[in-house]
Amino acid sequence: MNGPDRASYWRANLRLIFSVLCIWFLVSFGAGIWGREFLDQWRLPGTGFPLGFWFAQQGSILVFVCLIAFYVRAAGRLDKRFGVEEKADDPNAQQDGKA
């Protein structure tokens, strides 16, 4: 990968990371802390827990796990677009956790 392609790849990668971190921040702090009082006016069906409490305790964790899955898929697509994806048939690829 040459200089301009490398710069474009990292710019796109940093944009993806920044987007995922912003979503994580908004869900964990926004819904769980700052928006807790507003969300507490609703209850989580079947549990009776206030929705703000649920986001602070469970929802942000579930969103974080979903964001990890999203990032893995999006980063893979980004790697393919720039031609830097890992290939399973590459003899130089890491196998069995050993370099």
C-alpha atoms as a PDB file:
ATOM      1  CA  MET A   1       0.000   0.000   0.000  1.00  0.00           C
ATOM      2  CA  ASN A   2       1.508   3.331  -0.998  1.00  0.00           C
ATOM      3  CA  GLY A   3       1.415   6.647   0.911  1.00  0.00           C
ATOM      4  CA  PRO A   4      -1.913   8.136  -0.279  1.00  0.00           C
ATOM      5  CA  ASP A   5      -3.736   4.809   0.041  1.00  0.00           C
ATOM      6  CA  ARG A   6      -2.311   4.279   3.518  1.00  0.00           C
ATOM      7  CA  ALA A   7      -3.422   7.760   4.597  1.00  0.00           C
ATOM      8  CA  SER A   8      -6.929   7.172   3.183  1.00  0.00           C
ATOM      9  CA  TYR A   9      -7.147   3.793   4.891  1.00  0.00           C
ATOM     10  CA  TRP A  10      -6.177   5.184   8.290  1.00  0.00           C
ATOM     11  CA  ARG A  11      -8.477   8.179   7.879  1.00  0.00           C
ATOM     12  CA  ALA A  12     -11.395   5.814   7.160  1.00  0.00           C
ATOM     13  CA  ASN A  13     -10.353   3.519  10.020  1.00  0.00           C
ATOM     14  CA  LEU A  14     -10.143   6.397  12.498  1.00  0.00           C
ATOM     15  CA  ARG A  15     -13.543   7.686  11.342  1.00  0.00           C
ATOM     16  CA  LEU A  16     -15.018   4.229  12.005  1.00  0.00           C
ATOM     17  CA  ILE A  17     -13.408   4.021  15.451  1.00  0.00           C
ATOM     18  CA  PHE A  18     -14.549   7.545  16.343  1.00  0.00           C
ATOM     19  CA  SER A  19     -18.126   6.750  15.247  1.00  0.00           C
ATOM     20  CA  VAL A  20     -18.270   3.565  17.320  1.00  0.00           C
ATOM     21  CA  LEU A  21     -16.817   5.325  20.367  1.00  0.00           C
ATOM     22  CA  CYS A  22     -19.347   8.159  20.034  1.00  0.00           C
ATOM     23  CA  ILE A  23     -22.239   5.688  19.979  1.00  0.00           C
ATOM     24  CA  TRP A  24     -20.792   3.878  22.985  1.00  0.00           C
ATOM     25  CA  PHE A  25     -20.376   7.167  24.871  1.00  0.00           C
ATOM     26  CA  LEU A  26     -23.909   8.342  24.079  1.00  0.00           C
ATOM     27  CA  VAL A  27     -25.448   5.059  25.180  1.00  0.00           C
ATOM     28  CA  SER A  28     -23.384   4.570  28.326  1.00  0.00           C
ATOM     29  CA  PHE A  29     -23.284   8.154  29.559  1.00  0.00           C
ATOM     30  CA  GLY A  30     -26.237   9.652  27.712  1.00  0.00           C
ATOM     31  CA  ALA A  31     -28.876   7.020  28.397  1.00  0.00           C
ATOM     32  CA  GLY A  32     -27.415   5.558  31.575  1.00  0.00           C
ATOM     33  CA  ILE A  33     -26.413   8.702  33.443  1.00  0.00           C
ATOM     34  CA  TRP A  34     -27.614  11.953  31.884  1.00  0.00           C
ATOM     35  CA  GLY A  35     -30.908  10.624  30.538  1.00  0.00           C
ATOM     36  CA  ARG A  36     -31.675   8.315  33.441  1.00  0.00           C
ATOM     37  CA  GLU A  37     -34.353  10.501  34.989  1.00  0.00           C
ATOM     38  CA  PHE A  38     -36.109  10.974  31.662  1.00  0.00           C
ATOM     39  CA  LEU A  39     -35.970   7.255  30.841  1.00  0.00           C
ATOM     40  CA  ASP A  40     -37.139   6.258  34.334  1.00  0.00           C
ATOM     41  CA  GLN A  41     -40.678   7.321  33.451  1.00  0.00           C
ATOM     42  CA  TRP A  42     -40.976   4.025  31.523  1.00  0.00           C
ATOM     43  CA  ARG A  43     -40.599   0.519  32.914  1.00  0.00           C
ATOM     44  CA  LEU A  44     -38.918  -2.411  31.198  1.00  0.00           C
ATOM     45  CA  PRO A  45     -41.762  -4.808  30.266  1.00  0.00           C
ATOM     46  CA  GLY A  46     -41.870  -7.971  32.322  1.00  0.00           C
ATOM     47  CA  THR A  47     -39.366  -6.791  34.907  1.00  0.00           C
ATOM     48  CA  GLY A  48     -40.717  -3.603  36.413  1.00  0.00           C
ATOM     49  CA  PHE A  49     -37.252  -2.013  36.366  1.00  0.00           C
ATOM     50  CA  PRO A  50     -37.065   1.650  35.327  1.00  0.00           C
ATOM     51  CA  LEU A  51     -35.668   1.969  31.790  1.00  0.00           C
ATOM     52  CA  GLY A  52     -32.912   4.394  32.883  1.00  0.00           C
ATOM     53  CA  PHE A  53     -31.698   1.907  35.487  1.00  0.00           C
ATOM     54  CA  TRP A  54     -31.708  -0.869  32.889  1.00  0.00           C
ATOM     55  CA  PHE A  55     -29.603   1.184  30.442  1.00  0.00           C
ATOM     56  CA  ALA A  56     -27.133   2.035  33.182  1.00  0.00           C
ATOM     57  CA  GLN A  57     -26.796  -1.596  34.297  1.00  0.00           C
ATOM     58  CA  GLN A  58     -27.440  -3.839  31.299  1.00  0.00           C
ATOM     59  CA  GLY A  59     -28.298  -1.924  28.154  1.00  0.00           C
ATOM     60  CA  SER A  60     -24.955  -0.210  27.748  1.00  0.00           C
ATOM     61  CA  ILE A  61     -23.166  -3.564  28.064  1.00  0.00           C
ATOM     62  CA  LEU A  62     -25.370  -5.149  25.398  1.00  0.00           C
ATOM     63  CA  VAL A  63     -24.882  -2.165  23.091  1.00  0.00           C
ATOM     64  CA  PHE A  64     -21.116  -2.406  23.671  1.00  0.00           C
ATOM     65  CA  VAL A  65     -21.096  -6.094  22.647  1.00  0.00           C
ATOM     66  CA  CYS A  66     -23.163  -5.255  19.546  1.00  0.00           C
ATOM     67  CA  LEU A  67     -20.742  -2.441  18.704  1.00  0.00           C
ATOM     68  CA  ILE A  68     -17.832  -4.878  18.883  1.00  0.00           C
ATOM     69  CA  ALA A  69     -19.561  -7.187  16.390  1.00  0.00           C
ATOM     70  CA  PHE A  70     -20.377  -4.221  14.153  1.00  0.00           C
ATOM     71  CA  TYR A  71     -16.790  -2.950  14.289  1.00  0.00           C
ATOM     72  CA  VAL A  72     -15.344  -6.352  13.375  1.00  0.00           C
ATOM     73  CA  ARG A  73     -17.566  -6.584  10.296  1.00  0.00           C
ATOM     74  CA  ALA A  74     -17.069  -2.936   9.276  1.00  0.00           C
ATOM     75  CA  ALA A  75     -13.286  -3.134   9.725  1.00  0.00           C
ATOM     76  CA  GLY A  76     -13.229  -6.297   7.601  1.00  0.00           C
ATOM     77  CA  ARG A  77     -15.115  -4.519   4.817  1.00  0.00           C
ATOM     78  CA  LEU A  78     -12.760  -1.558   5.120  1.00  0.00           C
ATOM     79  CA  ASP A  79      -9.734  -3.866   4.882  1.00  0.00           C
ATOM     80  CA  LYS A  80     -11.154  -5.505   1.763  1.00  0.00           C
ATOM     81  CA  ARG A  81     -11.872  -2.132   0.175  1.00  0.00           C
ATOM     82  CA  PHE A  82      -8.239  -1.089   0.614  1.00  0.00           C
ATOM     83  CA  GLY A  83      -6.798  -4.538  -0.173  1.00  0.00           C
ATOM     84  CA  VAL A  84      -5.252  -5.228   3.227  1.00  0.00           C
ATOM     85  CA  GLU A  85      -7.517  -8.055   4.397  1.00  0.00           C
ATOM     86  CA  GLU A  86      -6.096 -11.193   5.926  1.00  0.00           C
ATOM     87  CA  LYS A  87      -6.441 -14.258   3.759  1.00  0.00           C
ATOM     88  CA  ALA A  88      -6.803 -17.752   5.178  1.00  0.00           C
ATOM     89  CA  ASP A  89      -4.711 -19.301   2.388  1.00  0.00           C
ATOM     90  CA  ASP A  90      -1.794 -16.909   2.980  1.00  0.00           C
ATOM     91  CA  PRO A  91       1.239 -19.041   3.993  1.00  0.00           C
ATOM     92  CA  ASN A  92       2.597 -16.087   6.008  1.00  0.00           C
ATOM     93  CA  ALA A  93      -0.633 -15.755   8.017  1.00  0.00           C
ATOM     94  CA  GLN A  94      -0.542 -16.531  11.705  1.00  0.00           C
ATOM     95  CA  GLN A  95      -1.835 -20.020  12.510  1.00  0.00           C
ATOM     96  CA  ASP A  96      -2.772 -21.712  15.806  1.00  0.00           C
ATOM     97  CA  GLY A  97      -1.901 -18.548  17.770  1.00  0.00           C
ATOM     98  CA  LYS A  98       1.798 -18.947  16.998  1.00  0.00           C
ATOM     99  CA  ALA A  99       3.813 -16.549  14.871  1.00  0.00           C
END
